[in-house]
Amino acid sequence: MKAKEIQELIDFIAKSGLNKVNIETEEFKISVKRDPDQKVTYVKGAEPAPAAAPAPAAAPQPVPAAPAAAPAPAAAPAASDESKYVAVKAPMIGTFYRASSPESPSFANIGDEIKKGQVICIIEAMKLFNEIESEVSGKIVKVLVDNASPVEYDQPLFLVDPS
């Protein structure tokens, strides 16, 4: 399951008011629980639900899509000035950390050469620390997010010069 699909599932669960959802396939098992004091509801057919959520007929769904699209045009003018750079974006929402602990050195600093697949930061989501790997090789020219700051899905984190 991709990060975008997980984000859509979380958004759907938040809007539906469900307290607990368990999804199990051959590849993975996901359990999401919102409030342990509330009545538990199980969703067995969760696959059709995310497909129904992005339907254009649902008014609430296009509204979140518009704010998600709004940061991209805001980043587009900056990207046009720095069009030769590639933005490494957040694959999920959470809290951005540049190092594995406060005492540890940062995974990636301005001027560092990085390779595709190299860990460049951590995003904490739901008490899980997810190592984020670079999708490009090159030199870090700018860090766009402060350490320990919240980040949104698809938010640019680093600018990389791929040349």
N, C-alpha and C. Protein backbone atom coordinates (compact mmCIF):
# COMPACT_ATOMS: atom_id res chain seq x y z
N MET A 1 0.85 -1.17 0.00
CA MET A 1 0.00 0.00 0.00
C MET A 1 0.90 1.23 0.00
N LYS A 2 0.61 2.16 -0.85
CA LYS A 2 1.43 3.36 -0.99
C LYS A 2 1.03 4.41 0.04
N ALA A 3 1.94 5.36 0.28
CA ALA A 3 1.70 6.40 1.27
C ALA A 3 0.45 7.21 0.95
N LYS A 4 0.20 7.48 -0.32
CA LYS A 4 -0.98 8.24 -0.71
C LYS A 4 -2.26 7.47 -0.38
N GLU A 5 -2.24 6.17 -0.64
CA GLU A 5 -3.41 5.35 -0.32
C GLU A 5 -3.66 5.32 1.19
N ILE A 6 -2.58 5.24 1.97
CA ILE A 6 -2.71 5.26 3.43
C ILE A 6 -3.29 6.59 3.89
N GLN A 7 -2.80 7.68 3.31
CA GLN A 7 -3.31 9.01 3.66
C GLN A 7 -4.80 9.12 3.33
N GLU A 8 -5.20 8.62 2.16
CA GLU A 8 -6.61 8.65 1.79
C GLU A 8 -7.45 7.82 2.76
N LEU A 9 -6.91 6.68 3.18
CA LEU A 9 -7.61 5.83 4.13
C LEU A 9 -7.77 6.54 5.47
N ILE A 10 -6.72 7.19 5.94
CA ILE A 10 -6.79 7.93 7.21
C ILE A 10 -7.81 9.06 7.11
N ASP A 11 -7.80 9.79 5.99
CA ASP A 11 -8.77 10.86 5.80
C ASP A 11 -10.20 10.32 5.80
N PHE A 12 -10.40 9.19 5.13
CA PHE A 12 -11.72 8.58 5.08
C PHE A 12 -12.19 8.18 6.48
N ILE A 13 -11.29 7.56 7.25
CA ILE A 13 -11.64 7.13 8.61
C ILE A 13 -11.98 8.33 9.47
N ALA A 14 -11.20 9.40 9.35
CA ALA A 14 -11.45 10.61 10.15
C ALA A 14 -12.82 11.20 9.82
N LYS A 15 -13.20 11.21 8.55
CA LYS A 15 -14.48 11.79 8.14
C LYS A 15 -15.66 10.87 8.48
N SER A 16 -15.41 9.56 8.49
CA SER A 16 -16.50 8.62 8.70
C SER A 16 -16.92 8.52 10.16
N GLY A 17 -16.04 8.87 11.08
CA GLY A 17 -16.36 8.77 12.49
C GLY A 17 -16.11 7.38 13.06
N LEU A 18 -15.52 6.47 12.28
CA LEU A 18 -15.22 5.14 12.78
C LEU A 18 -14.15 5.23 13.87
N ASN A 19 -14.22 4.32 14.82
CA ASN A 19 -13.25 4.32 15.92
C ASN A 19 -12.09 3.36 15.68
N LYS A 20 -12.35 2.27 14.98
CA LYS A 20 -11.30 1.29 14.74
C LYS A 20 -11.52 0.62 13.40
N VAL A 21 -10.45 0.44 12.66
CA VAL A 21 -10.51 -0.23 11.37
C VAL A 21 -9.33 -1.19 11.28
N ASN A 22 -9.60 -2.42 10.90
CA ASN A 22 -8.57 -3.41 10.65
C ASN A 22 -8.64 -3.83 9.20
N ILE A 23 -7.50 -3.78 8.51
CA ILE A 23 -7.43 -4.21 7.12
C ILE A 23 -6.28 -5.19 7.02
N GLU A 24 -6.54 -6.33 6.41
CA GLU A 24 -5.50 -7.35 6.27
C GLU A 24 -5.55 -7.91 4.86
N THR A 25 -4.38 -7.87 4.19
CA THR A 25 -4.25 -8.47 2.87
C THR A 25 -3.08 -9.43 2.92
N GLU A 26 -2.74 -10.01 1.78
CA GLU A 26 -1.60 -10.92 1.72
C GLU A 26 -0.30 -10.17 2.00
N GLU A 27 -0.24 -8.88 1.65
CA GLU A 27 0.99 -8.10 1.75
C GLU A 27 1.17 -7.39 3.08
N PHE A 28 0.07 -6.97 3.72
CA PHE A 28 0.19 -6.16 4.92
C PHE A 28 -1.04 -6.29 5.80
N LYS A 29 -0.91 -5.74 7.00
CA LYS A 29 -2.02 -5.70 7.96
C LYS A 29 -1.99 -4.32 8.61
N ILE A 30 -3.12 -3.62 8.57
CA ILE A 30 -3.22 -2.28 9.15
C ILE A 30 -4.34 -2.28 10.17
N SER A 31 -4.05 -1.69 11.32
CA SER A 31 -5.06 -1.50 12.36
C SER A 31 -5.01 -0.04 12.77
N VAL A 32 -6.13 0.67 12.61
CA VAL A 32 -6.21 2.08 12.99
C VAL A 32 -7.26 2.21 14.07
N LYS A 33 -6.88 2.85 15.17
CA LYS A 33 -7.79 3.00 16.31
C LYS A 33 -7.76 4.46 16.74
N ARG A 34 -8.95 5.09 16.84
CA ARG A 34 -9.02 6.50 17.18
C ARG A 34 -9.25 6.75 18.66
N ASP A 35 -10.23 6.10 19.27
CA ASP A 35 -10.57 6.38 20.66
C ASP A 35 -10.93 5.07 21.35
N PRO A 36 -10.12 4.60 22.30
CA PRO A 36 -10.38 3.30 22.90
C PRO A 36 -11.64 3.25 23.75
N ASP A 37 -12.19 4.37 24.19
CA ASP A 37 -13.37 4.38 25.04
C ASP A 37 -14.67 4.28 24.25
N GLN A 38 -14.61 4.41 22.95
CA GLN A 38 -15.80 4.38 22.11
C GLN A 38 -16.08 2.96 21.62
N LYS A 39 -17.28 2.77 21.09
CA LYS A 39 -17.68 1.49 20.53
C LYS A 39 -16.81 1.18 19.31
N VAL A 40 -16.37 -0.07 19.19
CA VAL A 40 -15.48 -0.48 18.11
C VAL A 40 -16.30 -0.95 16.91
N THR A 41 -15.93 -0.47 15.72
CA THR A 41 -16.60 -0.87 14.49
C THR A 41 -15.56 -1.44 13.54
N TYR A 42 -15.84 -2.59 12.97
CA TYR A 42 -14.91 -3.21 12.03
C TYR A 42 -15.41 -3.01 10.62
N VAL A 43 -14.48 -2.68 9.73
CA VAL A 43 -14.81 -2.52 8.32
C VAL A 43 -14.08 -3.61 7.56
N LYS A 44 -14.84 -4.52 6.97
CA LYS A 44 -14.22 -5.62 6.23
C LYS A 44 -14.03 -5.27 4.77
N GLY A 45 -14.89 -4.46 4.20
CA GLY A 45 -14.79 -4.07 2.79
C GLY A 45 -14.23 -2.68 2.65
N ALA A 46 -13.05 -2.42 3.21
CA ALA A 46 -12.50 -1.07 3.18
C ALA A 46 -11.93 -0.70 1.82
N GLU A 47 -11.64 -1.66 0.98
CA GLU A 47 -11.09 -1.35 -0.33
C GLU A 47 -12.04 -0.50 -1.18
N PRO A 48 -13.37 -0.81 -1.25
CA PRO A 48 -14.25 0.03 -2.05
C PRO A 48 -14.43 1.42 -1.44
N ALA A 49 -14.30 1.55 -0.15
CA ALA A 49 -14.53 2.84 0.50
C ALA A 49 -13.56 3.92 0.03
N PRO A 50 -12.22 3.68 0.02
CA PRO A 50 -11.34 4.72 -0.50
C PRO A 50 -11.60 5.03 -1.96
N ALA A 51 -12.05 4.05 -2.73
CA ALA A 51 -12.36 4.31 -4.13
C ALA A 51 -13.57 5.22 -4.24
N ALA A 52 -14.52 5.08 -3.30
CA ALA A 52 -15.70 5.93 -3.31
C ALA A 52 -15.39 7.33 -2.81
N ALA A 53 -14.40 7.46 -1.92
CA ALA A 53 -14.07 8.76 -1.34
C ALA A 53 -13.61 9.77 -2.38
N PRO A 54 -12.75 9.41 -3.37
CA PRO A 54 -12.32 10.42 -4.32
C PRO A 54 -13.35 10.75 -5.40
N ALA A 55 -14.54 10.18 -5.32
CA ALA A 55 -15.55 10.43 -6.34
C ALA A 55 -15.87 11.92 -6.43
N PRO A 56 -15.99 12.47 -7.64
CA PRO A 56 -16.24 13.89 -7.78
C PRO A 56 -17.57 14.33 -7.18
N ALA A 57 -18.51 13.41 -6.99
CA ALA A 57 -19.82 13.77 -6.45
C ALA A 57 -19.73 14.15 -4.97
N ALA A 58 -18.72 13.66 -4.26
CA ALA A 58 -18.58 13.96 -2.83
C ALA A 58 -18.00 15.36 -2.67
N ALA A 59 -18.75 16.26 -2.09
CA ALA A 59 -18.30 17.64 -1.94
C ALA A 59 -17.12 17.78 -0.98
N PRO A 60 -17.07 17.04 0.15
CA PRO A 60 -15.94 17.22 1.06
C PRO A 60 -14.61 16.79 0.46
N GLN A 61 -14.59 15.80 -0.42
CA GLN A 61 -13.33 15.30 -0.94
C GLN A 61 -12.60 16.30 -1.83
N PRO A 62 -13.27 16.99 -2.77
CA PRO A 62 -12.54 17.96 -3.57
C PRO A 62 -12.00 19.13 -2.75
N VAL A 63 -12.62 19.45 -1.65
CA VAL A 63 -12.13 20.54 -0.82
C VAL A 63 -10.75 20.22 -0.28
N PRO A 64 -10.49 19.00 0.32
CA PRO A 64 -9.14 18.69 0.74
C PRO A 64 -8.17 18.61 -0.44
N ALA A 65 -8.64 18.20 -1.60
CA ALA A 65 -7.75 18.12 -2.75
C ALA A 65 -7.29 19.51 -3.17
N ALA A 66 -8.14 20.52 -3.03
CA ALA A 66 -7.76 21.88 -3.40
C ALA A 66 -6.65 22.42 -2.50
N PRO A 67 -6.72 22.28 -1.15
CA PRO A 67 -5.61 22.73 -0.34
C PRO A 67 -4.33 21.96 -0.63
N ALA A 68 -4.43 20.68 -0.94
CA ALA A 68 -3.24 19.92 -1.27
C ALA A 68 -2.62 20.45 -2.56
N ALA A 69 -3.46 20.90 -3.47
CA ALA A 69 -2.95 21.46 -4.72
C ALA A 69 -2.46 22.89 -4.54
N ALA A 70 -2.98 23.59 -3.54
CA ALA A 70 -2.60 24.98 -3.33
C ALA A 70 -1.12 25.15 -2.99
N PRO A 71 -0.50 24.31 -2.13
CA PRO A 71 0.92 24.48 -1.86
C PRO A 71 1.78 24.23 -3.09
N ALA A 72 1.35 23.35 -3.99
CA ALA A 72 2.14 23.08 -5.18
C ALA A 72 2.29 24.32 -6.05
N PRO A 73 1.19 25.08 -6.36
CA PRO A 73 1.39 26.30 -7.11
C PRO A 73 2.22 27.33 -6.34
N ALA A 74 2.09 27.36 -5.02
CA ALA A 74 2.90 28.28 -4.24
C ALA A 74 4.37 27.91 -4.36
N ALA A 75 4.67 26.62 -4.46
CA ALA A 75 6.04 26.17 -4.61
C ALA A 75 6.50 26.32 -6.06
N ALA A 76 5.58 26.39 -7.01
CA ALA A 76 5.94 26.47 -8.42
C ALA A 76 6.74 27.73 -8.75
N PRO A 77 6.37 28.94 -8.24
CA PRO A 77 7.21 30.09 -8.53
C PRO A 77 8.62 29.93 -8.00
N ALA A 78 8.77 29.35 -6.81
CA ALA A 78 10.11 29.12 -6.27
C ALA A 78 10.85 28.12 -7.14
N ALA A 79 10.13 27.10 -7.62
CA ALA A 79 10.75 26.09 -8.46
C ALA A 79 11.15 26.68 -9.81
N SER A 80 10.40 27.66 -10.31
CA SER A 80 10.76 28.25 -11.59
C SER A 80 12.07 29.02 -11.49
N ASP A 81 12.33 29.66 -10.34
CA ASP A 81 13.61 30.34 -10.12
C ASP A 81 14.73 29.31 -10.00
N GLU A 82 14.40 28.17 -9.43
CA GLU A 82 15.38 27.12 -9.20
C GLU A 82 14.95 25.87 -9.98
N SER A 83 14.63 26.04 -11.26
CA SER A 83 14.06 24.96 -12.06
C SER A 83 14.99 23.78 -12.23
N LYS A 84 16.28 23.98 -12.05
CA LYS A 84 17.20 22.86 -12.22
C LYS A 84 17.24 21.95 -11.01
N TYR A 85 16.58 22.34 -9.91
CA TYR A 85 16.57 21.54 -8.70
C TYR A 85 15.35 20.63 -8.64
N VAL A 86 15.53 19.50 -7.97
CA VAL A 86 14.45 18.54 -7.77
C VAL A 86 14.04 18.59 -6.30
N ALA A 87 12.74 18.67 -6.05
CA ALA A 87 12.25 18.70 -4.68
C ALA A 87 12.03 17.27 -4.19
N VAL A 88 12.57 16.97 -3.01
CA VAL A 88 12.27 15.71 -2.35
C VAL A 88 11.09 16.00 -1.44
N LYS A 89 9.98 15.27 -1.65
CA LYS A 89 8.73 15.58 -0.96
C LYS A 89 8.40 14.55 0.11
N ALA A 90 7.60 14.99 1.07
CA ALA A 90 7.18 14.11 2.16
C ALA A 90 6.19 13.07 1.63
N PRO A 91 6.43 11.79 1.89
CA PRO A 91 5.51 10.75 1.44
C PRO A 91 4.33 10.53 2.39
N MET A 92 4.30 11.29 3.49
CA MET A 92 3.23 11.12 4.49
C MET A 92 3.18 12.36 5.37
N ILE A 93 2.12 12.46 6.16
CA ILE A 93 2.05 13.54 7.13
C ILE A 93 2.71 13.08 8.42
N GLY A 94 3.21 14.02 9.19
CA GLY A 94 3.85 13.67 10.45
C GLY A 94 4.76 14.78 10.90
N THR A 95 5.72 14.42 11.75
CA THR A 95 6.70 15.38 12.27
C THR A 95 8.05 15.06 11.64
N PHE A 96 8.67 16.08 11.06
CA PHE A 96 9.93 15.96 10.33
C PHE A 96 11.11 16.06 11.31
N TYR A 97 12.04 15.11 11.20
CA TYR A 97 13.28 15.17 11.98
C TYR A 97 14.46 14.96 11.05
N ARG A 98 15.50 15.77 11.23
CA ARG A 98 16.68 15.68 10.39
C ARG A 98 17.66 14.62 10.88
N ALA A 99 17.52 14.17 12.14
CA ALA A 99 18.43 13.17 12.71
C ALA A 99 17.63 12.15 13.51
N SER A 100 18.26 11.03 13.81
CA SER A 100 17.57 9.96 14.55
C SER A 100 17.40 10.29 16.02
N SER A 101 18.23 11.20 16.55
CA SER A 101 18.09 11.66 17.93
C SER A 101 18.70 13.05 18.03
N PRO A 102 18.38 13.80 19.08
CA PRO A 102 18.93 15.15 19.20
C PRO A 102 20.47 15.19 19.24
N GLU A 103 21.08 14.13 19.74
CA GLU A 103 22.55 14.09 19.84
C GLU A 103 23.21 13.64 18.54
N SER A 104 22.46 13.00 17.66
CA SER A 104 23.01 12.45 16.41
C SER A 104 23.17 13.54 15.35
N PRO A 105 24.14 13.36 14.45
CA PRO A 105 24.26 14.32 13.34
C PRO A 105 23.09 14.16 12.37
N SER A 106 22.81 15.21 11.62
CA SER A 106 21.72 15.17 10.63
C SER A 106 22.04 14.15 9.55
N PHE A 107 20.98 13.53 9.00
CA PHE A 107 21.16 12.59 7.91
C PHE A 107 21.70 13.29 6.67
N ALA A 108 21.20 14.51 6.40
CA ALA A 108 21.60 15.25 5.20
C ALA A 108 21.66 16.74 5.51
N ASN A 109 22.76 17.37 5.11
CA ASN A 109 22.95 18.80 5.31
C ASN A 109 23.14 19.48 3.95
N ILE A 110 23.01 20.79 3.95
CA ILE A 110 23.25 21.55 2.72
C ILE A 110 24.68 21.28 2.25
N GLY A 111 24.81 20.96 0.98
CA GLY A 111 26.12 20.67 0.40
C GLY A 111 26.46 19.19 0.37
N ASP A 112 25.72 18.36 1.08
CA ASP A 112 25.98 16.91 1.08
C ASP A 112 25.57 16.28 -0.24
N GLU A 113 26.38 15.32 -0.69
CA GLU A 113 26.03 14.51 -1.86
C GLU A 113 25.20 13.34 -1.35
N ILE A 114 24.01 13.16 -1.93
CA ILE A 114 23.16 12.04 -1.54
C ILE A 114 22.94 11.13 -2.73
N LYS A 115 22.61 9.88 -2.42
CA LYS A 115 22.35 8.89 -3.47
C LYS A 115 20.92 8.42 -3.35
N LYS A 116 20.37 7.96 -4.45
CA LYS A 116 19.01 7.41 -4.47
C LYS A 116 18.96 6.25 -3.47
N GLY A 117 17.95 6.26 -2.59
CA GLY A 117 17.79 5.21 -1.60
C GLY A 117 18.45 5.53 -0.26
N GLN A 118 19.20 6.62 -0.20
CA GLN A 118 19.87 7.00 1.06
C GLN A 118 18.86 7.66 1.99
N VAL A 119 18.93 7.32 3.29
CA VAL A 119 18.04 7.93 4.28
C VAL A 119 18.45 9.39 4.45
N ILE A 120 17.47 10.31 4.30
CA ILE A 120 17.78 11.73 4.41
C ILE A 120 17.06 12.41 5.57
N CYS A 121 16.04 11.75 6.14
CA CYS A 121 15.33 12.32 7.29
C CYS A 121 14.42 11.25 7.87
N ILE A 122 13.71 11.62 8.93
CA ILE A 122 12.72 10.74 9.56
C ILE A 122 11.42 11.53 9.67
N ILE A 123 10.30 10.86 9.42
CA ILE A 123 9.00 11.46 9.67
C ILE A 123 8.28 10.57 10.68
N GLU A 124 7.93 11.17 11.81
CA GLU A 124 7.19 10.44 12.84
C GLU A 124 5.71 10.59 12.55
N ALA A 125 5.03 9.46 12.47
CA ALA A 125 3.59 9.44 12.25
C ALA A 125 2.99 8.37 13.16
N MET A 126 2.09 8.78 14.02
CA MET A 126 1.40 7.87 14.93
C MET A 126 2.39 7.06 15.76
N LYS A 127 3.38 7.72 16.33
CA LYS A 127 4.41 7.13 17.19
C LYS A 127 5.33 6.15 16.47
N LEU A 128 5.30 6.16 15.14
CA LEU A 128 6.21 5.34 14.34
C LEU A 128 7.20 6.27 13.65
N PHE A 129 8.48 5.93 13.72
CA PHE A 129 9.51 6.74 13.08
C PHE A 129 9.86 6.10 11.74
N ASN A 130 9.51 6.79 10.66
CA ASN A 130 9.68 6.28 9.30
C ASN A 130 10.90 6.93 8.66
N GLU A 131 11.88 6.12 8.28
CA GLU A 131 13.05 6.64 7.59
C GLU A 131 12.64 6.98 6.16
N ILE A 132 12.93 8.20 5.75
CA ILE A 132 12.58 8.66 4.40
C ILE A 132 13.84 8.61 3.54
N GLU A 133 13.74 7.89 2.43
CA GLU A 133 14.87 7.73 1.52
C GLU A 133 14.72 8.68 0.34
N SER A 134 15.86 9.14 -0.15
CA SER A 134 15.87 10.03 -1.31
C SER A 134 15.46 9.27 -2.56
N GLU A 135 14.70 9.93 -3.40
CA GLU A 135 14.29 9.35 -4.68
C GLU A 135 15.22 9.78 -5.81
N VAL A 136 16.16 10.67 -5.49
CA VAL A 136 17.10 11.17 -6.50
C VAL A 136 18.51 11.19 -5.91
N SER A 137 19.49 11.20 -6.80
CA SER A 137 20.87 11.39 -6.40
C SER A 137 21.27 12.82 -6.74
N GLY A 138 22.15 13.40 -5.95
CA GLY A 138 22.61 14.76 -6.22
C GLY A 138 23.12 15.44 -4.97
N LYS A 139 23.14 16.76 -5.02
CA LYS A 139 23.68 17.57 -3.93
C LYS A 139 22.55 18.37 -3.29
N ILE A 140 22.45 18.33 -1.97
CA ILE A 140 21.42 19.09 -1.24
C ILE A 140 21.78 20.57 -1.34
N VAL A 141 20.84 21.38 -1.86
CA VAL A 141 21.09 22.82 -1.96
C VAL A 141 20.27 23.61 -0.94
N LYS A 142 19.17 23.01 -0.45
CA LYS A 142 18.34 23.74 0.51
C LYS A 142 17.51 22.76 1.33
N VAL A 143 17.40 23.02 2.63
CA VAL A 143 16.50 22.28 3.50
C VAL A 143 15.29 23.19 3.70
N LEU A 144 14.11 22.73 3.31
CA LEU A 144 12.93 23.58 3.28
C LEU A 144 12.08 23.50 4.55
N VAL A 145 12.39 22.58 5.46
CA VAL A 145 11.58 22.38 6.66
C VAL A 145 12.48 22.43 7.89
N ASP A 146 12.01 23.08 8.94
CA ASP A 146 12.74 23.12 10.20
C ASP A 146 12.63 21.78 10.92
N ASN A 147 13.65 21.46 11.70
CA ASN A 147 13.64 20.23 12.48
C ASN A 147 12.48 20.24 13.47
N ALA A 148 11.86 19.08 13.66
CA ALA A 148 10.74 18.88 14.60
C ALA A 148 9.49 19.67 14.20
N SER A 149 9.35 19.96 12.90
CA SER A 149 8.17 20.68 12.40
C SER A 149 7.18 19.69 11.79
N PRO A 150 5.88 20.00 11.89
CA PRO A 150 4.90 19.14 11.22
C PRO A 150 4.99 19.34 9.71
N VAL A 151 4.81 18.23 8.97
CA VAL A 151 4.80 18.29 7.51
C VAL A 151 3.54 17.63 6.98
N GLU A 152 3.12 18.06 5.82
CA GLU A 152 1.95 17.52 5.14
C GLU A 152 2.39 16.56 4.05
N TYR A 153 1.47 15.74 3.59
CA TYR A 153 1.75 14.85 2.48
C TYR A 153 2.15 15.67 1.25
N ASP A 154 3.18 15.25 0.57
CA ASP A 154 3.67 15.86 -0.68
C ASP A 154 4.29 17.24 -0.48
N GLN A 155 4.59 17.62 0.76
CA GLN A 155 5.25 18.90 1.03
C GLN A 155 6.73 18.77 0.70
N PRO A 156 7.31 19.72 -0.04
CA PRO A 156 8.75 19.66 -0.33
C PRO A 156 9.58 19.77 0.96
N LEU A 157 10.57 18.89 1.08
CA LEU A 157 11.44 18.87 2.25
C LEU A 157 12.83 19.39 1.94
N PHE A 158 13.36 18.97 0.79
CA PHE A 158 14.72 19.33 0.38
C PHE A 158 14.71 19.72 -1.10
N LEU A 159 15.65 20.59 -1.47
CA LEU A 159 15.91 20.84 -2.90
C LEU A 159 17.25 20.19 -3.21
N VAL A 160 17.27 19.40 -4.29
CA VAL A 160 18.46 18.65 -4.65
C VAL A 160 18.87 19.04 -6.08
N ASP A 161 20.17 19.30 -6.26
CA ASP A 161 20.73 19.56 -7.58
C ASP A 161 21.18 18.21 -8.14
N PRO A 162 20.44 17.65 -9.11
CA PRO A 162 20.76 16.33 -9.61
C PRO A 162 21.99 16.26 -10.52
N SER A 163 22.55 17.40 -10.91
CA SER A 163 23.67 17.38 -11.86
C SER A 163 24.97 16.95 -11.21
